[in-house]
Amino acid sequence: MNTMTPTPTISPRAGLLLTQLAKTSDFDAALWKLLLDYLDLKVQALESERTALEAKWGMSFGEFQRKIEDNSLGEDVYAFAVEQDYWQWEKNETLRQYYEELRARWM
């Protein structure tokens, strides 16, 4: 049984683009910079979406969730628009937490 981890390869063209994007000739540093920048962009996009949902509903996701559970939202909690916002917001919270955990673990 082969227990060796395969070494990833990258084409010279992709490697050149990566080092040019990161403005460094050190491939490892360029890759880490790109990954960190990607995580930052994902978190920023999720923060923007969360801010929009908080402004729309005038509350945090936790409050929104509690008001849905105790039926005190002031709107039909089974309405399509409410459910759609709930699922979008829950996805946002889950992804934001996931990306923050990745950043803490790897960066």
Protein backbone atom coordinates (compact mmCIF):
# COMPACT_ATOMS: atom_id res chain seq x y z
CA MET A 1 0.00 0.00 0.00
CA ASN A 2 1.35 3.41 -0.96
CA THR A 3 0.96 5.79 2.00
CA MET A 4 2.77 8.72 0.43
CA THR A 5 0.76 11.85 -0.14
CA PRO A 6 0.87 12.90 -3.78
CA THR A 7 2.71 16.15 -4.42
CA PRO A 8 0.46 18.64 -6.15
CA THR A 9 1.77 20.11 -9.36
CA ILE A 10 0.99 23.38 -11.06
CA SER A 11 1.73 24.45 -14.58
CA PRO A 12 4.53 26.99 -15.09
CA ARG A 13 2.00 29.40 -16.57
CA ALA A 14 -0.28 29.19 -13.52
CA GLY A 15 2.73 29.51 -11.22
CA LEU A 16 3.86 32.63 -13.05
CA LEU A 17 0.40 34.19 -12.80
CA LEU A 18 0.24 33.34 -9.10
CA THR A 19 3.58 34.97 -8.33
CA GLN A 20 2.68 38.02 -10.42
CA LEU A 21 -0.67 38.43 -8.67
CA ALA A 22 0.99 38.20 -5.26
CA LYS A 23 3.92 40.38 -6.35
CA THR A 24 6.50 37.93 -5.02
CA SER A 25 8.76 35.37 -6.64
CA ASP A 26 8.36 33.01 -3.67
CA PHE A 27 5.75 30.49 -4.81
CA ASP A 28 4.75 29.33 -1.30
CA ALA A 29 4.39 32.91 -0.06
CA ALA A 30 2.35 33.78 -3.15
CA LEU A 31 0.02 30.83 -2.63
CA TRP A 32 -0.52 31.65 1.06
CA LYS A 33 -1.16 35.30 0.19
CA LEU A 34 -3.71 34.30 -2.44
CA LEU A 35 -5.47 31.93 -0.05
CA LEU A 36 -5.58 34.54 2.73
CA ASP A 37 -6.87 37.18 0.31
CA TYR A 38 -9.54 34.74 -0.87
CA LEU A 39 -10.68 34.04 2.69
CA ASP A 40 -10.76 37.77 3.43
CA LEU A 41 -12.89 38.44 0.34
CA LYS A 42 -15.31 35.64 1.21
CA VAL A 43 -15.70 36.92 4.78
CA GLN A 44 -16.15 40.51 3.56
CA ALA A 45 -18.88 39.45 1.13
CA LEU A 46 -20.64 37.49 3.85
CA GLU A 47 -20.36 40.43 6.28
CA SER A 48 -21.93 42.70 3.67
CA GLU A 49 -24.78 40.27 3.13
CA ARG A 50 -25.28 39.91 6.90
CA THR A 51 -25.35 43.69 7.34
CA ALA A 52 -28.02 43.95 4.64
CA LEU A 53 -30.18 41.29 6.31
CA GLU A 54 -29.76 42.93 9.72
CA ALA A 55 -30.81 46.27 8.23
CA LYS A 56 -33.79 44.70 6.45
CA TRP A 57 -35.11 42.99 9.58
CA GLY A 58 -33.74 45.39 12.21
CA MET A 59 -32.21 42.60 14.28
CA SER A 60 -29.47 39.99 14.45
CA PHE A 61 -29.88 36.47 13.12
CA GLY A 62 -30.22 35.11 16.66
CA GLU A 63 -33.12 37.48 17.35
CA PHE A 64 -34.68 36.67 13.97
CA GLN A 65 -34.43 32.97 14.70
CA ARG A 66 -35.97 33.34 18.19
CA LYS A 67 -38.86 35.43 16.85
CA ILE A 68 -39.57 32.82 14.20
CA GLU A 69 -39.49 30.03 16.79
CA ASP A 70 -41.90 31.81 19.16
CA ASN A 71 -43.98 33.24 16.29
CA SER A 72 -43.42 36.86 17.38
CA LEU A 73 -41.84 38.15 14.17
CA GLY A 74 -44.88 40.22 13.25
CA GLU A 75 -45.08 38.51 9.86
CA ASP A 76 -46.17 35.10 8.68
CA VAL A 77 -43.16 32.96 9.56
CA TYR A 78 -44.15 30.50 6.83
CA ALA A 79 -44.27 33.12 4.08
CA PHE A 80 -41.89 32.36 1.23
CA ALA A 81 -39.96 35.64 1.63
CA VAL A 82 -39.45 35.05 5.37
CA GLU A 83 -38.31 31.47 4.85
CA GLN A 84 -36.04 32.52 2.01
CA ASP A 85 -34.36 35.16 4.19
CA TYR A 86 -34.07 32.65 7.04
CA TRP A 87 -32.27 30.07 4.89
CA GLN A 88 -30.07 32.70 3.27
CA TRP A 89 -29.13 34.14 6.67
CA GLU A 90 -28.49 30.73 8.21
CA LYS A 91 -26.26 29.82 5.26
CA ASN A 92 -24.43 33.12 5.69
CA GLU A 93 -23.82 32.50 9.40
CA THR A 94 -22.64 28.94 8.76
CA LEU A 95 -20.25 29.91 5.96
CA ARG A 96 -18.87 32.89 7.88
CA GLN A 97 -18.13 30.68 10.88
CA TYR A 98 -16.53 28.05 8.62
CA TYR A 99 -14.24 30.60 6.93
CA GLU A 100 -13.29 32.16 10.27
CA GLU A 101 -12.38 28.71 11.63
CA LEU A 102 -10.27 28.02 8.53
CA ARG A 103 -8.49 31.33 8.94
CA ALA A 104 -7.79 30.67 12.63
CA ARG A 105 -6.55 27.17 11.89
CA TRP A 106 -4.32 27.93 8.91
CA MET A 107 -3.34 31.56 9.02
